[in-house]
Amino acid sequence: MNKRMELIRLLTARLERLSVDSIWARRASGLRRSLVKAQEAEDAGNTYPPEHLDALIEHSFYILRSAAREIPDAEETWRKLRAQPEKK
């Protein structure tokens, strides 16, 4: 298996783990289908043009970066909580 396909398999798994509540998960669903089709073609002995695979990879990273920006910063929340005086 070539390095692009290894990366595509990894990205497919990461895209599947996006929260269903995220707008990015909905946008990723079509992309995941394209990634799976590329994997199936590779498994069947066919190849996609490298430029097409590169575009899928780039778009996958864009979606994952965008989804990650939606994740609240738990450490910042913890710092704010600790800074508040305790109520007795």
C-alpha atoms as a PDB file:
ATOM      1  CA  MET A   1       0.000   0.000   0.000  1.00  0.00           C
ATOM      2  CA  ASN A   2       1.389   3.408  -0.869  1.00  0.00           C
ATOM      3  CA  LYS A   3       1.798   6.256   1.598  1.00  0.00           C
ATOM      4  CA  ARG A   4      -1.139   8.248   0.169  1.00  0.00           C
ATOM      5  CA  MET A   5      -3.507   5.347   0.701  1.00  0.00           C
ATOM      6  CA  GLU A   6      -2.222   4.799   4.243  1.00  0.00           C
ATOM      7  CA  LEU A   7      -2.935   8.454   4.966  1.00  0.00           C
ATOM      8  CA  ILE A   8      -6.354   8.236   3.320  1.00  0.00           C
ATOM      9  CA  ARG A   9      -7.271   5.279   5.545  1.00  0.00           C
ATOM     10  CA  LEU A  10      -6.166   7.226   8.620  1.00  0.00           C
ATOM     11  CA  LEU A  11      -8.084  10.344   7.566  1.00  0.00           C
ATOM     12  CA  THR A  12     -11.216   8.305   6.842  1.00  0.00           C
ATOM     13  CA  ALA A  13     -11.136   6.932  10.376  1.00  0.00           C
ATOM     14  CA  ARG A  14     -10.598  10.409  11.852  1.00  0.00           C
ATOM     15  CA  LEU A  15     -13.447  11.923   9.824  1.00  0.00           C
ATOM     16  CA  GLU A  16     -15.774   9.157  11.038  1.00  0.00           C
ATOM     17  CA  ARG A  17     -15.120  10.196  14.636  1.00  0.00           C
ATOM     18  CA  LEU A  18     -16.365  13.761  14.255  1.00  0.00           C
ATOM     19  CA  SER A  19     -19.289  14.588  16.503  1.00  0.00           C
ATOM     20  CA  VAL A  20     -22.592  14.153  14.718  1.00  0.00           C
ATOM     21  CA  ASP A  21     -23.629  17.527  16.155  1.00  0.00           C
ATOM     22  CA  SER A  22     -20.839  19.266  14.270  1.00  0.00           C
ATOM     23  CA  ILE A  23     -21.569  21.017  11.001  1.00  0.00           C
ATOM     24  CA  TRP A  24     -18.210  19.638   9.885  1.00  0.00           C
ATOM     25  CA  ALA A  25     -19.403  16.046  10.323  1.00  0.00           C
ATOM     26  CA  ARG A  26     -22.174  16.668   7.842  1.00  0.00           C
ATOM     27  CA  ARG A  27     -19.721  18.214   5.404  1.00  0.00           C
ATOM     28  CA  ALA A  28     -17.323  15.321   5.921  1.00  0.00           C
ATOM     29  CA  SER A  29     -19.846  12.622   5.033  1.00  0.00           C
ATOM     30  CA  GLY A  30     -19.530  13.113   1.277  1.00  0.00           C
ATOM     31  CA  LEU A  31     -15.787  13.384   1.570  1.00  0.00           C
ATOM     32  CA  ARG A  32     -15.660  10.106   3.504  1.00  0.00           C
ATOM     33  CA  ARG A  33     -17.596   8.425   0.706  1.00  0.00           C
ATOM     34  CA  SER A  34     -15.008   9.662  -1.794  1.00  0.00           C
ATOM     35  CA  LEU A  35     -12.169   8.424   0.412  1.00  0.00           C
ATOM     36  CA  VAL A  36     -13.796   5.000   0.742  1.00  0.00           C
ATOM     37  CA  LYS A  37     -14.274   4.816  -3.035  1.00  0.00           C
ATOM     38  CA  ALA A  38     -10.576   5.570  -3.511  1.00  0.00           C
ATOM     39  CA  GLN A  39      -9.703   2.818  -1.010  1.00  0.00           C
ATOM     40  CA  GLU A  40     -12.000   0.342  -2.709  1.00  0.00           C
ATOM     41  CA  ALA A  41     -10.495   1.168  -6.097  1.00  0.00           C
ATOM     42  CA  GLU A  42      -7.004   0.636  -4.683  1.00  0.00           C
ATOM     43  CA  ASP A  43      -8.049  -2.674  -3.122  1.00  0.00           C
ATOM     44  CA  ALA A  44      -9.449  -3.771  -6.495  1.00  0.00           C
ATOM     45  CA  GLY A  45      -6.129  -3.009  -8.183  1.00  0.00           C
ATOM     46  CA  ASN A  46      -7.209   0.253  -9.769  1.00  0.00           C
ATOM     47  CA  THR A  47      -5.560   3.578  -9.064  1.00  0.00           C
ATOM     48  CA  TYR A  48      -6.775   7.122  -8.722  1.00  0.00           C
ATOM     49  CA  PRO A  49      -4.661   9.945 -10.153  1.00  0.00           C
ATOM     50  CA  PRO A  50      -2.293  11.219  -7.446  1.00  0.00           C
ATOM     51  CA  GLU A  51      -3.640  14.753  -7.955  1.00  0.00           C
ATOM     52  CA  HIS A  52      -7.145  13.549  -7.086  1.00  0.00           C
ATOM     53  CA  LEU A  53      -5.901  11.756  -3.962  1.00  0.00           C
ATOM     54  CA  ASP A  54      -3.930  14.848  -2.950  1.00  0.00           C
ATOM     55  CA  ALA A  55      -7.072  16.985  -3.256  1.00  0.00           C
ATOM     56  CA  LEU A  56      -9.011  14.524  -1.071  1.00  0.00           C
ATOM     57  CA  ILE A  57      -6.219  14.569   1.507  1.00  0.00           C
ATOM     58  CA  GLU A  58      -6.040  18.375   1.555  1.00  0.00           C
ATOM     59  CA  HIS A  59      -9.804  18.673   1.939  1.00  0.00           C
ATOM     60  CA  SER A  60      -9.773  16.082   4.737  1.00  0.00           C
ATOM     61  CA  PHE A  61      -7.164  18.059   6.668  1.00  0.00           C
ATOM     62  CA  TYR A  62      -9.190  21.248   6.146  1.00  0.00           C
ATOM     63  CA  ILE A  63     -12.334  19.610   7.566  1.00  0.00           C
ATOM     64  CA  LEU A  64     -10.443  18.152  10.542  1.00  0.00           C
ATOM     65  CA  ARG A  65      -8.736  21.476  11.329  1.00  0.00           C
ATOM     66  CA  SER A  66     -12.055  23.288  11.139  1.00  0.00           C
ATOM     67  CA  ALA A  67     -13.788  20.738  13.370  1.00  0.00           C
ATOM     68  CA  ALA A  68     -10.963  20.950  15.905  1.00  0.00           C
ATOM     69  CA  ARG A  69     -11.520  24.694  16.230  1.00  0.00           C
ATOM     70  CA  GLU A  70     -15.034  23.957  17.522  1.00  0.00           C
ATOM     71  CA  ILE A  71     -13.718  21.938  20.464  1.00  0.00           C
ATOM     72  CA  PRO A  72     -13.822  24.018  23.626  1.00  0.00           C
ATOM     73  CA  ASP A  73     -10.553  24.559  25.420  1.00  0.00           C
ATOM     74  CA  ALA A  74     -11.089  22.428  28.523  1.00  0.00           C
ATOM     75  CA  GLU A  75      -7.848  23.605  30.112  1.00  0.00           C
ATOM     76  CA  GLU A  76      -8.912  27.242  29.834  1.00  0.00           C
ATOM     77  CA  THR A  77     -12.254  26.373  31.400  1.00  0.00           C
ATOM     78  CA  TRP A  78     -10.415  24.628  34.231  1.00  0.00           C
ATOM     79  CA  ARG A  79      -8.178  27.662  34.829  1.00  0.00           C
ATOM     80  CA  LYS A  80     -11.211  29.956  35.045  1.00  0.00           C
ATOM     81  CA  LEU A  81     -12.927  27.572  37.435  1.00  0.00           C
ATOM     82  CA  ARG A  82      -9.885  27.405  39.711  1.00  0.00           C
ATOM     83  CA  ALA A  83      -9.545  31.198  39.689  1.00  0.00           C
ATOM     84  CA  GLN A  84     -13.051  31.655  41.071  1.00  0.00           C
ATOM     85  CA  PRO A  85     -13.251  31.922  44.851  1.00  0.00           C
ATOM     86  CA  GLU A  86     -14.965  28.999  46.484  1.00  0.00           C
ATOM     87  CA  LYS A  87     -18.403  29.654  47.897  1.00  0.00           C
ATOM     88  CA  LYS A  88     -18.950  28.337  51.384  1.00  0.00           C
END
